[in-house]
C-alpha atoms as a PDB file:
ATOM      1  CA  UNK A   1     -19.952   4.741   6.366  1.00  0.00           C
ATOM      2  CA  UNK A   2     -22.191   3.911   3.482  1.00  0.00           C
ATOM      3  CA  UNK A   3     -21.542   4.161  -0.225  1.00  0.00           C
ATOM      4  CA  UNK A   4     -23.191   7.157  -1.812  1.00  0.00           C
ATOM      5  CA  UNK A   5     -22.081   6.948  -5.456  1.00  0.00           C
ATOM      6  CA  UNK A   6     -21.141   4.137  -7.801  1.00  0.00           C
ATOM      7  CA  UNK A   7     -19.593   4.280 -11.270  1.00  0.00           C
ATOM      8  CA  UNK A   8     -19.183   1.403 -13.682  1.00  0.00           C
ATOM      9  CA  UNK A   9     -16.553   2.630 -16.129  1.00  0.00           C
ATOM     10  CA  UNK A  10     -15.127   0.632 -19.021  1.00  0.00           C
ATOM     11  CA  UNK A  11     -11.918  -0.139 -17.091  1.00  0.00           C
ATOM     12  CA  UNK A  12     -13.047  -0.067 -13.466  1.00  0.00           C
ATOM     13  CA  UNK A  13     -15.781   0.167 -10.869  1.00  0.00           C
ATOM     14  CA  UNK A  14     -15.554   3.117  -8.484  1.00  0.00           C
ATOM     15  CA  UNK A  15     -17.305   3.229  -5.117  1.00  0.00           C
ATOM     16  CA  UNK A  16     -17.493   6.704  -3.566  1.00  0.00           C
ATOM     17  CA  UNK A  17     -17.750   7.092   0.199  1.00  0.00           C
ATOM     18  CA  UNK A  18     -17.679  10.216   2.357  1.00  0.00           C
ATOM     19  CA  UNK A  19     -13.893  10.642   2.579  1.00  0.00           C
ATOM     20  CA  UNK A  20     -12.446   7.901   0.399  1.00  0.00           C
ATOM     21  CA  UNK A  21     -13.048   5.973  -2.764  1.00  0.00           C
ATOM     22  CA  UNK A  22     -12.529   2.339  -3.704  1.00  0.00           C
ATOM     23  CA  UNK A  23     -11.434   1.681  -7.252  1.00  0.00           C
ATOM     24  CA  UNK A  24     -11.663  -1.888  -8.523  1.00  0.00           C
ATOM     25  CA  UNK A  25      -9.883  -2.211 -11.874  1.00  0.00           C
ATOM     26  CA  UNK A  26     -11.330  -4.815 -14.223  1.00  0.00           C
ATOM     27  CA  UNK A  27      -9.545  -7.943 -15.448  1.00  0.00           C
ATOM     28  CA  UNK A  28      -6.717  -7.467 -17.958  1.00  0.00           C
ATOM     29  CA  UNK A  29      -6.669  -3.654 -17.978  1.00  0.00           C
ATOM     30  CA  UNK A  30      -3.367  -1.772 -18.344  1.00  0.00           C
ATOM     31  CA  UNK A  31      -3.414   1.360 -16.165  1.00  0.00           C
ATOM     32  CA  UNK A  32      -1.507   4.329 -17.583  1.00  0.00           C
ATOM     33  CA  UNK A  33      -1.370   8.039 -16.793  1.00  0.00           C
ATOM     34  CA  UNK A  34      -4.471   8.602 -18.975  1.00  0.00           C
ATOM     35  CA  UNK A  35      -6.489   6.924 -16.225  1.00  0.00           C
ATOM     36  CA  UNK A  36      -5.612   9.848 -13.958  1.00  0.00           C
ATOM     37  CA  UNK A  37      -7.840  12.064 -16.119  1.00  0.00           C
ATOM     38  CA  UNK A  38     -10.922   9.975 -15.280  1.00  0.00           C
ATOM     39  CA  UNK A  39      -9.821   9.858 -11.634  1.00  0.00           C
ATOM     40  CA  UNK A  40      -9.513  13.649 -11.519  1.00  0.00           C
ATOM     41  CA  UNK A  41     -13.024  14.044 -12.931  1.00  0.00           C
ATOM     42  CA  UNK A  42     -14.448  11.860 -10.159  1.00  0.00           C
ATOM     43  CA  UNK A  43     -12.375  13.614  -7.490  1.00  0.00           C
ATOM     44  CA  UNK A  44     -13.393  17.057  -8.711  1.00  0.00           C
ATOM     45  CA  UNK A  45     -17.039  16.064  -8.639  1.00  0.00           C
ATOM     46  CA  UNK A  46     -17.127  14.431  -5.196  1.00  0.00           C
ATOM     47  CA  UNK A  47     -14.083  15.691  -3.292  1.00  0.00           C
ATOM     48  CA  UNK A  48     -13.455  19.186  -4.658  1.00  0.00           C
ATOM     49  CA  UNK A  49     -13.140  20.806  -1.244  1.00  0.00           C
ATOM     50  CA  UNK A  50     -11.986  18.005   1.015  1.00  0.00           C
ATOM     51  CA  UNK A  51      -9.186  15.552   1.501  1.00  0.00           C
ATOM     52  CA  UNK A  52      -9.541  11.899   0.614  1.00  0.00           C
ATOM     53  CA  UNK A  53      -7.796   8.546   0.511  1.00  0.00           C
ATOM     54  CA  UNK A  54      -7.740   6.270  -2.544  1.00  0.00           C
ATOM     55  CA  UNK A  55      -8.148   2.516  -2.061  1.00  0.00           C
ATOM     56  CA  UNK A  56      -7.326   0.154  -4.899  1.00  0.00           C
ATOM     57  CA  UNK A  57      -9.069  -3.179  -4.401  1.00  0.00           C
ATOM     58  CA  UNK A  58      -7.022  -5.596  -6.505  1.00  0.00           C
ATOM     59  CA  UNK A  59      -9.643  -8.260  -6.946  1.00  0.00           C
ATOM     60  CA  UNK A  60      -8.725  -8.867 -10.612  1.00  0.00           C
ATOM     61  CA  UNK A  61      -5.423  -9.184 -12.453  1.00  0.00           C
ATOM     62  CA  UNK A  62      -4.280  -6.073 -14.293  1.00  0.00           C
ATOM     63  CA  UNK A  63      -1.087  -4.096 -14.862  1.00  0.00           C
ATOM     64  CA  UNK A  64      -0.068  -0.606 -13.795  1.00  0.00           C
ATOM     65  CA  UNK A  65       2.588   1.597 -15.354  1.00  0.00           C
ATOM     66  CA  UNK A  66       4.411   2.729 -12.176  1.00  0.00           C
ATOM     67  CA  UNK A  67       5.039   6.155 -13.704  1.00  0.00           C
ATOM     68  CA  UNK A  68       1.295   6.762 -13.343  1.00  0.00           C
ATOM     69  CA  UNK A  69       1.933   7.305  -9.624  1.00  0.00           C
ATOM     70  CA  UNK A  70       4.160  10.317 -10.284  1.00  0.00           C
ATOM     71  CA  UNK A  71       1.118  12.139 -11.680  1.00  0.00           C
ATOM     72  CA  UNK A  72      -1.245  10.717  -9.065  1.00  0.00           C
ATOM     73  CA  UNK A  73       1.041  12.122  -6.343  1.00  0.00           C
ATOM     74  CA  UNK A  74       0.308  15.620  -7.656  1.00  0.00           C
ATOM     75  CA  UNK A  75      -3.412  15.449  -6.848  1.00  0.00           C
ATOM     76  CA  UNK A  76      -3.500  18.032  -4.062  1.00  0.00           C
ATOM     77  CA  UNK A  77      -6.344  16.659  -1.946  1.00  0.00           C
ATOM     78  CA  UNK A  78      -5.323  13.003  -2.224  1.00  0.00           C
ATOM     79  CA  UNK A  79      -3.498  12.386   1.061  1.00  0.00           C
ATOM     80  CA  UNK A  80      -2.780   8.644   0.867  1.00  0.00           C
ATOM     81  CA  UNK A  81      -3.241   5.467  -1.108  1.00  0.00           C
ATOM     82  CA  UNK A  82      -4.031   1.944   0.057  1.00  0.00           C
ATOM     83  CA  UNK A  83      -3.694  -1.198  -2.027  1.00  0.00           C
ATOM     84  CA  UNK A  84      -5.701  -4.289  -1.113  1.00  0.00           C
ATOM     85  CA  UNK A  85      -3.735  -7.243  -2.457  1.00  0.00           C
ATOM     86  CA  UNK A  86      -4.174 -10.894  -1.580  1.00  0.00           C
ATOM     87  CA  UNK A  87      -1.669 -12.660  -3.826  1.00  0.00           C
ATOM     88  CA  UNK A  88       2.076 -12.605  -3.471  1.00  0.00           C
ATOM     89  CA  UNK A  89       2.418 -11.175  -6.999  1.00  0.00           C
ATOM     90  CA  UNK A  90      -0.066  -8.359  -6.333  1.00  0.00           C
ATOM     91  CA  UNK A  91       1.731  -7.442  -3.125  1.00  0.00           C
ATOM     92  CA  UNK A  92       5.087  -7.482  -4.876  1.00  0.00           C
ATOM     93  CA  UNK A  93       3.772  -5.240  -7.670  1.00  0.00           C
ATOM     94  CA  UNK A  94       2.263  -2.843  -5.137  1.00  0.00           C
ATOM     95  CA  UNK A  95       5.582  -2.665  -3.293  1.00  0.00           C
ATOM     96  CA  UNK A  96       7.330  -1.641  -6.521  1.00  0.00           C
ATOM     97  CA  UNK A  97       4.615   0.904  -7.319  1.00  0.00           C
ATOM     98  CA  UNK A  98       4.969   2.463  -3.851  1.00  0.00           C
ATOM     99  CA  UNK A  99       8.419   3.729  -4.836  1.00  0.00           C
ATOM    100  CA  UNK A 100       6.787   6.047  -7.386  1.00  0.00           C
ATOM    101  CA  UNK A 101       4.037   7.426  -5.147  1.00  0.00           C
ATOM    102  CA  UNK A 102       5.239  10.377  -3.070  1.00  0.00           C
ATOM    103  CA  UNK A 103       2.631  10.311  -0.287  1.00  0.00           C
ATOM    104  CA  UNK A 104       1.527   7.791   2.347  1.00  0.00           C
ATOM    105  CA  UNK A 105       1.090   4.345   0.805  1.00  0.00           C
ATOM    106  CA  UNK A 106       0.149   1.054   2.446  1.00  0.00           C
ATOM    107  CA  UNK A 107      -0.674  -2.492   1.398  1.00  0.00           C
ATOM    108  CA  UNK A 108      -3.421  -4.504   3.100  1.00  0.00           C
ATOM    109  CA  UNK A 109      -4.870  -7.988   2.806  1.00  0.00           C
ATOM    110  CA  UNK A 110      -8.472  -6.922   3.342  1.00  0.00           C
ATOM    111  CA  UNK A 111     -10.661  -4.031   2.343  1.00  0.00           C
ATOM    112  CA  UNK A 112     -11.746  -3.644   5.985  1.00  0.00           C
ATOM    113  CA  UNK A 113      -8.141  -3.042   7.081  1.00  0.00           C
ATOM    114  CA  UNK A 114      -7.669  -0.442   4.360  1.00  0.00           C
ATOM    115  CA  UNK A 115     -10.897   1.322   5.293  1.00  0.00           C
ATOM    116  CA  UNK A 116      -9.823   1.520   8.948  1.00  0.00           C
ATOM    117  CA  UNK A 117      -6.480   3.011   7.849  1.00  0.00           C
ATOM    118  CA  UNK A 118      -8.275   5.792   5.929  1.00  0.00           C
ATOM    119  CA  UNK A 119      -9.338   7.611   9.092  1.00  0.00           C
ATOM    120  CA  UNK A 120      -5.814   7.567  10.515  1.00  0.00           C
ATOM    121  CA  UNK A 121      -4.436   9.108   7.335  1.00  0.00           C
ATOM    122  CA  UNK A 122      -7.015  11.872   7.284  1.00  0.00           C
ATOM    123  CA  UNK A 123      -6.267  12.732  10.918  1.00  0.00           C
ATOM    124  CA  UNK A 124      -2.513  12.768  10.150  1.00  0.00           C
ATOM    125  CA  UNK A 125      -3.061  15.119   7.210  1.00  0.00           C
ATOM    126  CA  UNK A 126      -5.039  17.521   9.438  1.00  0.00           C
ATOM    127  CA  UNK A 127      -2.301  17.498  12.073  1.00  0.00           C
ATOM    128  CA  UNK A 128       0.340  18.147   9.410  1.00  0.00           C
ATOM    129  CA  UNK A 129      -1.738  21.005   7.987  1.00  0.00           C
ATOM    130  CA  UNK A 130      -1.822  22.734  11.396  1.00  0.00           C
ATOM    131  CA  UNK A 131       1.967  22.693  11.797  1.00  0.00           C
END
């Protein structure tokens, strides 16, 4: 599981792997639904014909408009979202945000835990597809 693409955008760094991506938003950014447009461009380029899981590595402090998740939920090949949060405040914010995301959503303390969870979510989505 090695990284095969890296983007350094104005607001975030994105690490693309085979079946998931890690997005690390930069300090002080305010995430709104406009950020979904950039996300869709990356997804269309690297994951056009396969399912994926999104991991948000909350290394820096930033804010998210929870309504952004309503649009993110509509991305057809995005099967789940993981938030890596170490502080109590980050975890609390992620818990609130989870109420707006309509697919599988989990909060982890480490990136390794989130990456392990990715495979389980992809398997679940394949099982659900076969039903």
